[in-house]
All heavy atoms as atom14 arrays in JSON, in Angstrom:
{
  "sequence": "PRRSLMRALAARGLRPLLLDWGDPGAAERRFDLDAYYVARA",
  "atom14_mask": [
    [1, 1, 1, 1, 1, 1, 1, 0, 0, 0, 0, 0, 0, 0],
    [1, 1, 1, 1, 1, 1, 1, 1, 1, 1, 1, 0, 0, 0],
    [1, 1, 1, 1, 1, 1, 1, 1, 1, 1, 1, 0, 0, 0],
    [1, 1, 1, 1, 1, 1, 0, 0, 0, 0, 0, 0, 0, 0],
    [1, 1, 1, 1, 1, 1, 1, 1, 0, 0, 0, 0, 0, 0],
    [1, 1, 1, 1, 1, 1, 1, 1, 0, 0, 0, 0, 0, 0],
    [1, 1, 1, 1, 1, 1, 1, 1, 1, 1, 1, 0, 0, 0],
    [1, 1, 1, 1, 1, 0, 0, 0, 0, 0, 0, 0, 0, 0],
    [1, 1, 1, 1, 1, 1, 1, 1, 0, 0, 0, 0, 0, 0],
    [1, 1, 1, 1, 1, 0, 0, 0, 0, 0, 0, 0, 0, 0],
    [1, 1, 1, 1, 1, 0, 0, 0, 0, 0, 0, 0, 0, 0],
    [1, 1, 1, 1, 1, 1, 1, 1, 1, 1, 1, 0, 0, 0],
    [1, 1, 1, 1, 0, 0, 0, 0, 0, 0, 0, 0, 0, 0],
    [1, 1, 1, 1, 1, 1, 1, 1, 0, 0, 0, 0, 0, 0],
    [1, 1, 1, 1, 1, 1, 1, 1, 1, 1, 1, 0, 0, 0],
    [1, 1, 1, 1, 1, 1, 1, 0, 0, 0, 0, 0, 0, 0],
    [1, 1, 1, 1, 1, 1, 1, 1, 0, 0, 0, 0, 0, 0],
    [1, 1, 1, 1, 1, 1, 1, 1, 0, 0, 0, 0, 0, 0],
    [1, 1, 1, 1, 1, 1, 1, 1, 0, 0, 0, 0, 0, 0],
    [1, 1, 1, 1, 1, 1, 1, 1, 0, 0, 0, 0, 0, 0],
    [1, 1, 1, 1, 1, 1, 1, 1, 1, 1, 1, 1, 1, 1],
    [1, 1, 1, 1, 0, 0, 0, 0, 0, 0, 0, 0, 0, 0],
    [1, 1, 1, 1, 1, 1, 1, 1, 0, 0, 0, 0, 0, 0],
    [1, 1, 1, 1, 1, 1, 1, 0, 0, 0, 0, 0, 0, 0],
    [1, 1, 1, 1, 0, 0, 0, 0, 0, 0, 0, 0, 0, 0],
    [1, 1, 1, 1, 1, 0, 0, 0, 0, 0, 0, 0, 0, 0],
    [1, 1, 1, 1, 1, 0, 0, 0, 0, 0, 0, 0, 0, 0],
    [1, 1, 1, 1, 1, 1, 1, 1, 1, 0, 0, 0, 0, 0],
    [1, 1, 1, 1, 1, 1, 1, 1, 1, 1, 1, 0, 0, 0],
    [1, 1, 1, 1, 1, 1, 1, 1, 1, 1, 1, 0, 0, 0],
    [1, 1, 1, 1, 1, 1, 1, 1, 1, 1, 1, 0, 0, 0],
    [1, 1, 1, 1, 1, 1, 1, 1, 0, 0, 0, 0, 0, 0],
    [1, 1, 1, 1, 1, 1, 1, 1, 0, 0, 0, 0, 0, 0],
    [1, 1, 1, 1, 1, 1, 1, 1, 0, 0, 0, 0, 0, 0],
    [1, 1, 1, 1, 1, 0, 0, 0, 0, 0, 0, 0, 0, 0],
    [1, 1, 1, 1, 1, 1, 1, 1, 1, 1, 1, 1, 0, 0],
    [1, 1, 1, 1, 1, 1, 1, 1, 1, 1, 1, 1, 0, 0],
    [1, 1, 1, 1, 1, 1, 1, 0, 0, 0, 0, 0, 0, 0],
    [1, 1, 1, 1, 1, 0, 0, 0, 0, 0, 0, 0, 0, 0],
    [1, 1, 1, 1, 1, 1, 1, 1, 1, 1, 1, 0, 0, 0],
    [1, 1, 1, 1, 1, 0, 0, 0, 0, 0, 0, 0, 0, 0]
  ],
  "atom14_positions": [
    [[10.87, -2.4, 9.92], [10.85, -1.7, 8.64], [11.28, -0.24, 8.72], [11.86, 0.3, 7.77], [9.38, -1.81, 8.2], [8.9, -3.06, 8.85], [9.6, -3.12, 10.18], [0.0, 0.0, 0.0], [0.0, 0.0, 0.0], [0.0, 0.0, 0.0], [0.0, 0.0, 0.0], [0.0, 0.0, 0.0], [0.0, 0.0, 0.0], [0.0, 0.0, 0.0]],
    [[11.04, 0.4, 9.86], [11.46, 1.81, 10.01], [12.78, 1.95, 10.74], [13.25, 3.07, 10.94], [10.37, 2.6, 10.75], [9.06, 2.71, 9.98], [8.12, 3.7, 10.63], [7.76, 3.3, 11.98], [6.77, 2.45, 12.27], [6.08, 1.88, 11.29], [6.48, 2.13, 13.51], [0.0, 0.0, 0.0], [0.0, 0.0, 0.0], [0.0, 0.0, 0.0]],
    [[13.37, 0.85, 11.17], [14.64, 0.92, 11.9], [15.52, -0.24, 11.46], [15.88, -1.1, 12.25], [14.41, 0.83, 13.41], [13.77, 2.04, 14.03], [14.71, 3.24, 14.12], [14.15, 4.24, 15.0], [13.2, 5.09, 14.64], [12.73, 5.06, 13.41], [12.72, 5.98, 15.5], [0.0, 0.0, 0.0], [0.0, 0.0, 0.0], [0.0, 0.0, 0.0]],
    [[15.88, -0.25, 10.19], [16.76, -1.28, 9.66], [17.97, -0.61, 9.02], [17.88, -0.03, 7.94], [16.05, -2.15, 8.62], [16.96, -3.02, 7.99], [0.0, 0.0, 0.0], [0.0, 0.0, 0.0], [0.0, 0.0, 0.0], [0.0, 0.0, 0.0], [0.0, 0.0, 0.0], [0.0, 0.0, 0.0], [0.0, 0.0, 0.0], [0.0, 0.0, 0.0]],
    [[19.1, -0.68, 9.7], [20.32, -0.11, 9.14], [20.69, -0.84, 7.85], [21.13, -0.23, 6.87], [21.46, -0.21, 10.15], [22.84, 0.22, 9.66], [22.82, 1.65, 9.13], [23.88, 0.06, 10.77], [0.0, 0.0, 0.0], [0.0, 0.0, 0.0], [0.0, 0.0, 0.0], [0.0, 0.0, 0.0], [0.0, 0.0, 0.0], [0.0, 0.0, 0.0]],
    [[20.52, -2.17, 7.82], [20.89, -2.93, 6.63], [20.1, -2.47, 5.41], [20.66, -2.26, 4.32], [20.66, -4.42, 6.87], [21.45, -5.01, 8.03], [23.23, -4.76, 7.88], [23.58, -5.69, 6.4], [0.0, 0.0, 0.0], [0.0, 0.0, 0.0], [0.0, 0.0, 0.0], [0.0, 0.0, 0.0], [0.0, 0.0, 0.0], [0.0, 0.0, 0.0]],
    [[18.8, -2.29, 5.57], [17.97, -1.89, 4.43], [18.2, -0.43, 4.05], [18.05, -0.05, 2.89], [16.5, -2.17, 4.74], [16.23, -3.67, 4.87], [14.84, -4.01, 5.38], [14.8, -5.38, 5.84], [14.47, -6.44, 5.07], [14.13, -6.25, 3.81], [14.47, -7.66, 5.58], [0.0, 0.0, 0.0], [0.0, 0.0, 0.0], [0.0, 0.0, 0.0]],
    [[18.59, 0.39, 5.04], [18.93, 1.78, 4.73], [20.19, 1.85, 3.88], [20.29, 2.65, 2.94], [19.12, 2.57, 6.02], [0.0, 0.0, 0.0], [0.0, 0.0, 0.0], [0.0, 0.0, 0.0], [0.0, 0.0, 0.0], [0.0, 0.0, 0.0], [0.0, 0.0, 0.0], [0.0, 0.0, 0.0], [0.0, 0.0, 0.0], [0.0, 0.0, 0.0]],
    [[21.18, 1.01, 4.19], [22.4, 0.96, 3.37], [22.06, 0.52, 1.95], [22.55, 1.1, 0.97], [23.41, -0.01, 3.99], [23.96, 0.34, 5.38], [24.87, -0.78, 5.88], [24.71, 1.66, 5.37], [0.0, 0.0, 0.0], [0.0, 0.0, 0.0], [0.0, 0.0, 0.0], [0.0, 0.0, 0.0], [0.0, 0.0, 0.0], [0.0, 0.0, 0.0]],
    [[21.23, -0.53, 1.84], [20.87, -1.04, 0.51], [20.09, -0.01, -0.29], [20.23, 0.08, -1.52], [20.07, -2.33, 0.66], [0.0, 0.0, 0.0], [0.0, 0.0, 0.0], [0.0, 0.0, 0.0], [0.0, 0.0, 0.0], [0.0, 0.0, 0.0], [0.0, 0.0, 0.0], [0.0, 0.0, 0.0], [0.0, 0.0, 0.0], [0.0, 0.0, 0.0]],
    [[19.26, 0.77, 0.39], [18.44, 1.78, -0.3], [19.26, 2.96, -0.79], [18.74, 3.79, -1.55], [17.33, 2.27, 0.63], [0.0, 0.0, 0.0], [0.0, 0.0, 0.0], [0.0, 0.0, 0.0], [0.0, 0.0, 0.0], [0.0, 0.0, 0.0], [0.0, 0.0, 0.0], [0.0, 0.0, 0.0], [0.0, 0.0, 0.0], [0.0, 0.0, 0.0]],
    [[20.52, 3.05, -0.35], [21.4, 4.13, -0.8], [22.48, 3.64, -1.75], [23.5, 4.3, -1.94], [22.02, 4.81, 0.42], [21.04, 5.57, 1.29], [20.45, 6.78, 0.59], [21.49, 7.74, 0.25], [21.97, 8.67, 1.09], [21.46, 8.75, 2.31], [22.91, 9.49, 0.71], [0.0, 0.0, 0.0], [0.0, 0.0, 0.0], [0.0, 0.0, 0.0]],
    [[22.26, 2.49, -2.37], [23.16, 2.04, -3.42], [24.32, 1.19, -2.97], [25.23, 0.92, -3.77], [0.0, 0.0, 0.0], [0.0, 0.0, 0.0], [0.0, 0.0, 0.0], [0.0, 0.0, 0.0], [0.0, 0.0, 0.0], [0.0, 0.0, 0.0], [0.0, 0.0, 0.0], [0.0, 0.0, 0.0], [0.0, 0.0, 0.0], [0.0, 0.0, 0.0]],
    [[24.32, 0.75, -1.73], [25.38, -0.13, -1.24], [24.88, -1.58, -1.24], [23.69, -1.84, -1.36], [25.8, 0.28, 0.18], [26.42, 1.68, 0.29], [26.39, 2.16, 1.73], [27.85, 1.69, -0.26], [0.0, 0.0, 0.0], [0.0, 0.0, 0.0], [0.0, 0.0, 0.0], [0.0, 0.0, 0.0], [0.0, 0.0, 0.0], [0.0, 0.0, 0.0]],
    [[25.82, -2.51, -1.12], [25.45, -3.94, -1.04], [25.87, -4.47, 0.33], [26.95, -5.02, 0.49], [26.11, -4.74, -2.15], [25.61, -6.19, -2.23], [26.28, -6.97, -3.34], [25.78, -8.33, -3.4], [26.24, -9.26, -4.24], [27.21, -8.95, -5.1], [25.74, -10.48, -4.22], [0.0, 0.0, 0.0], [0.0, 0.0, 0.0], [0.0, 0.0, 0.0]],
    [[25.02, -4.36, 1.32], [25.38, -4.81, 2.67], [25.28, -6.34, 2.77], [24.29, -6.94, 2.36], [24.35, -4.14, 3.58], [23.53, -3.26, 2.68], [23.69, -3.76, 1.29], [0.0, 0.0, 0.0], [0.0, 0.0, 0.0], [0.0, 0.0, 0.0], [0.0, 0.0, 0.0], [0.0, 0.0, 0.0], [0.0, 0.0, 0.0], [0.0, 0.0, 0.0]],
    [[26.3, -6.94, 3.35], [26.35, -8.38, 3.58], [26.51, -8.6, 5.07], [27.55, -8.28, 5.65], [27.51, -9.0, 2.81], [27.45, -8.84, 1.29], [28.82, -9.0, 0.66], [26.47, -9.83, 0.68], [0.0, 0.0, 0.0], [0.0, 0.0, 0.0], [0.0, 0.0, 0.0], [0.0, 0.0, 0.0], [0.0, 0.0, 0.0], [0.0, 0.0, 0.0]],
    [[25.46, -9.1, 5.71], [25.44, -9.24, 7.16], [25.95, -10.62, 7.57], [25.41, -11.64, 7.15], [24.02, -9.04, 7.69], [23.81, -9.25, 9.2], [24.65, -8.26, 10.01], [22.33, -9.11, 9.55], [0.0, 0.0, 0.0], [0.0, 0.0, 0.0], [0.0, 0.0, 0.0], [0.0, 0.0, 0.0], [0.0, 0.0, 0.0], [0.0, 0.0, 0.0]],
    [[27.0, -10.63, 8.4], [27.52, -11.88, 8.95], [26.68, -12.24, 10.18], [26.81, -11.63, 11.23], [28.99, -11.72, 9.33], [29.64, -12.92, 10.04], [29.5, -14.2, 9.22], [31.1, -12.63, 10.36], [0.0, 0.0, 0.0], [0.0, 0.0, 0.0], [0.0, 0.0, 0.0], [0.0, 0.0, 0.0], [0.0, 0.0, 0.0], [0.0, 0.0, 0.0]],
    [[25.83, -13.23, 10.03], [25.0, -13.73, 11.13], [25.74, -14.93, 11.73], [25.84, -15.98, 11.09], [23.63, -14.14, 10.59], [22.69, -14.63, 11.69], [23.14, -14.76, 12.85], [21.52, -14.89, 11.39], [0.0, 0.0, 0.0], [0.0, 0.0, 0.0], [0.0, 0.0, 0.0], [0.0, 0.0, 0.0], [0.0, 0.0, 0.0], [0.0, 0.0, 0.0]],
    [[26.26, -14.77, 12.96], [27.05, -15.83, 13.58], [26.19, -17.07, 13.88], [26.71, -18.19, 13.87], [27.66, -15.34, 14.89], [28.56, -14.16, 14.8], [28.25, -12.88, 15.14], [29.92, -14.13, 14.35], [29.34, -12.05, 14.95], [30.37, -12.79, 14.46], [30.8, -15.1, 13.87], [31.67, -12.41, 14.11], [32.09, -14.72, 13.52], [32.51, -13.39, 13.63]],
    [[24.92, -16.87, 14.2], [24.05, -17.96, 14.58], [24.35, -18.49, 15.97], [25.31, -18.08, 16.63], [0.0, 0.0, 0.0], [0.0, 0.0, 0.0], [0.0, 0.0, 0.0], [0.0, 0.0, 0.0], [0.0, 0.0, 0.0], [0.0, 0.0, 0.0], [0.0, 0.0, 0.0], [0.0, 0.0, 0.0], [0.0, 0.0, 0.0], [0.0, 0.0, 0.0]],
    [[23.5, -19.4, 16.45], [23.76, -20.07, 17.73], [24.93, -21.04, 17.58], [25.09, -21.67, 16.52], [22.52, -20.85, 18.17], [21.39, -19.94, 18.59], [21.5, -19.33, 19.66], [20.4, -19.84, 17.84], [0.0, 0.0, 0.0], [0.0, 0.0, 0.0], [0.0, 0.0, 0.0], [0.0, 0.0, 0.0], [0.0, 0.0, 0.0], [0.0, 0.0, 0.0]],
    [[25.76, -21.19, 18.61], [26.88, -22.12, 18.5], [26.4, -23.55, 18.24], [25.57, -24.08, 18.98], [27.57, -22.01, 19.86], [27.12, -20.71, 20.44], [25.73, -20.51, 19.91], [0.0, 0.0, 0.0], [0.0, 0.0, 0.0], [0.0, 0.0, 0.0], [0.0, 0.0, 0.0], [0.0, 0.0, 0.0], [0.0, 0.0, 0.0], [0.0, 0.0, 0.0]],
    [[26.92, -24.17, 17.18], [26.65, -25.58, 16.91], [27.73, -26.44, 17.54], [28.54, -25.99, 18.35], [0.0, 0.0, 0.0], [0.0, 0.0, 0.0], [0.0, 0.0, 0.0], [0.0, 0.0, 0.0], [0.0, 0.0, 0.0], [0.0, 0.0, 0.0], [0.0, 0.0, 0.0], [0.0, 0.0, 0.0], [0.0, 0.0, 0.0], [0.0, 0.0, 0.0]],
    [[27.77, -27.69, 17.13], [28.74, -28.62, 17.71], [30.17, -28.14, 17.5], [31.02, -28.26, 18.39], [28.55, -30.01, 17.1], [0.0, 0.0, 0.0], [0.0, 0.0, 0.0], [0.0, 0.0, 0.0], [0.0, 0.0, 0.0], [0.0, 0.0, 0.0], [0.0, 0.0, 0.0], [0.0, 0.0, 0.0], [0.0, 0.0, 0.0], [0.0, 0.0, 0.0]],
    [[30.46, -27.58, 16.32], [31.82, -27.1, 16.05], [32.09, -25.8, 16.81], [33.14, -25.65, 17.47], [32.0, -26.88, 14.56], [0.0, 0.0, 0.0], [0.0, 0.0, 0.0], [0.0, 0.0, 0.0], [0.0, 0.0, 0.0], [0.0, 0.0, 0.0], [0.0, 0.0, 0.0], [0.0, 0.0, 0.0], [0.0, 0.0, 0.0], [0.0, 0.0, 0.0]],
    [[31.14, -24.86, 16.75], [31.38, -23.54, 17.35], [31.48, -23.59, 18.87], [32.08, -22.69, 19.47], [30.28, -22.57, 16.94], [30.32, -22.14, 15.48], [29.52, -23.04, 14.57], [29.0, -24.06, 15.07], [29.41, -22.74, 13.37], [0.0, 0.0, 0.0], [0.0, 0.0, 0.0], [0.0, 0.0, 0.0], [0.0, 0.0, 0.0], [0.0, 0.0, 0.0]],
    [[30.91, -24.59, 19.51], [31.01, -24.67, 20.97], [32.45, -24.82, 21.45], [32.72, -24.58, 22.63], [30.15, -25.82, 21.48], [28.65, -25.53, 21.43], [27.84, -26.75, 21.77], [26.42, -26.5, 21.56], [25.5, -27.44, 21.44], [25.86, -28.71, 21.51], [24.23, -27.12, 21.26], [0.0, 0.0, 0.0], [0.0, 0.0, 0.0], [0.0, 0.0, 0.0]],
    [[33.34, -25.2, 20.56], [34.77, -25.32, 20.92], [35.56, -24.09, 20.52], [36.77, -24.05, 20.72], [35.37, -26.55, 20.26], [34.69, -27.86, 20.63], [35.48, -29.05, 20.11], [35.54, -29.06, 18.64], [34.64, -29.67, 17.86], [33.6, -30.29, 18.4], [34.77, -29.66, 16.55], [0.0, 0.0, 0.0], [0.0, 0.0, 0.0], [0.0, 0.0, 0.0]],
    [[34.88, -23.08, 19.96], [35.59, -21.93, 19.39], [36.0, -20.93, 20.46], [35.2, -20.54, 21.31], [34.7, -21.21, 18.39], [34.7, -21.8, 17.01], [35.16, -23.08, 16.78], [34.22, -21.08, 15.93], [35.15, -23.63, 15.51], [34.2, -21.61, 14.66], [34.67, -22.89, 14.45], [0.0, 0.0, 0.0], [0.0, 0.0, 0.0], [0.0, 0.0, 0.0]],
    [[37.25, -20.5, 20.39], [37.66, -19.29, 21.09], [37.57, -18.15, 20.09], [37.11, -18.33, 18.95], [39.05, -19.43, 21.7], [40.11, -19.81, 20.66], [39.81, -19.76, 19.44], [41.23, -20.15, 21.07], [0.0, 0.0, 0.0], [0.0, 0.0, 0.0], [0.0, 0.0, 0.0], [0.0, 0.0, 0.0], [0.0, 0.0, 0.0], [0.0, 0.0, 0.0]],
    [[37.99, -16.94, 20.48], [37.88, -15.81, 19.56], [38.76, -16.0, 18.34], [38.4, -15.58, 17.22], [38.24, -14.51, 20.28], [37.27, -14.06, 21.38], [37.7, -12.72, 21.95], [35.83, -13.96, 20.85], [0.0, 0.0, 0.0], [0.0, 0.0, 0.0], [0.0, 0.0, 0.0], [0.0, 0.0, 0.0], [0.0, 0.0, 0.0], [0.0, 0.0, 0.0]],
    [[39.9, -16.62, 18.51], [40.79, -16.87, 17.38], [40.09, -17.76, 16.35], [40.15, -17.51, 15.13], [42.08, -17.54, 17.87], [43.06, -17.78, 16.75], [43.69, -16.81, 16.29], [43.18, -18.95, 16.3], [0.0, 0.0, 0.0], [0.0, 0.0, 0.0], [0.0, 0.0, 0.0], [0.0, 0.0, 0.0], [0.0, 0.0, 0.0], [0.0, 0.0, 0.0]],
    [[39.41, -18.8, 16.81], [38.72, -19.7, 15.89], [37.57, -18.98, 15.18], [37.34, -19.19, 13.98], [38.2, -20.93, 16.64], [0.0, 0.0, 0.0], [0.0, 0.0, 0.0], [0.0, 0.0, 0.0], [0.0, 0.0, 0.0], [0.0, 0.0, 0.0], [0.0, 0.0, 0.0], [0.0, 0.0, 0.0], [0.0, 0.0, 0.0], [0.0, 0.0, 0.0]],
    [[36.84, -18.13, 15.9], [35.76, -17.38, 15.26], [36.32, -16.49, 14.15], [35.7, -16.32, 13.09], [35.0, -16.54, 16.27], [33.8, -17.23, 16.87], [33.77, -17.61, 18.21], [32.69, -17.51, 16.09], [32.66, -18.25, 18.75], [31.57, -18.15, 16.62], [31.57, -18.51, 17.95], [30.47, -19.15, 18.47], [0.0, 0.0, 0.0], [0.0, 0.0, 0.0]],
    [[37.49, -15.94, 14.38], [38.1, -15.07, 13.38], [38.62, -15.87, 12.19], [38.28, -15.6, 11.03], [39.23, -14.27, 14.02], [40.0, -13.39, 13.06], [39.47, -12.2, 12.61], [41.27, -13.76, 12.61], [40.17, -11.38, 11.73], [41.98, -12.96, 11.73], [41.43, -11.78, 11.29], [42.12, -10.98, 10.41], [0.0, 0.0, 0.0], [0.0, 0.0, 0.0]],
    [[39.43, -16.89, 12.48], [40.08, -17.64, 11.42], [39.09, -18.5, 10.64], [39.15, -18.59, 9.41], [41.21, -18.52, 12.01], [41.78, -19.46, 10.96], [42.31, -17.65, 12.59], [0.0, 0.0, 0.0], [0.0, 0.0, 0.0], [0.0, 0.0, 0.0], [0.0, 0.0, 0.0], [0.0, 0.0, 0.0], [0.0, 0.0, 0.0], [0.0, 0.0, 0.0]],
    [[38.15, -19.13, 11.35], [37.26, -20.11, 10.71], [35.92, -19.53, 10.27], [35.17, -20.23, 9.59], [37.03, -21.28, 11.66], [0.0, 0.0, 0.0], [0.0, 0.0, 0.0], [0.0, 0.0, 0.0], [0.0, 0.0, 0.0], [0.0, 0.0, 0.0], [0.0, 0.0, 0.0], [0.0, 0.0, 0.0], [0.0, 0.0, 0.0], [0.0, 0.0, 0.0]],
    [[35.6, -18.3, 10.67], [34.32, -17.72, 10.29], [34.47, -16.31, 9.7], [34.03, -16.06, 8.58], [33.37, -17.7, 11.49], [32.99, -19.07, 12.01], [32.16, -19.85, 11.01], [31.76, -21.16, 11.54], [32.44, -22.28, 11.35], [33.56, -22.26, 10.63], [32.01, -23.44, 11.84], [0.0, 0.0, 0.0], [0.0, 0.0, 0.0], [0.0, 0.0, 0.0]],
    [[35.04, -15.37, 10.44], [35.1, -13.98, 9.97], [35.97, -13.83, 8.72], [35.58, -13.16, 7.76], [35.6, -13.06, 11.08], [0.0, 0.0, 0.0], [0.0, 0.0, 0.0], [0.0, 0.0, 0.0], [0.0, 0.0, 0.0], [0.0, 0.0, 0.0], [0.0, 0.0, 0.0], [0.0, 0.0, 0.0], [0.0, 0.0, 0.0], [0.0, 0.0, 0.0]]
  ]
}
């Protein structure tokens, strides 16, 4: 609560959207960086 960059951004009038990659699932286990960019980012 005292060290949250996301909530600090929101408290100053911005709308922060955090991309949480998560643990690799069956699809992501085959991902190289290109796939992470094209298929996720």
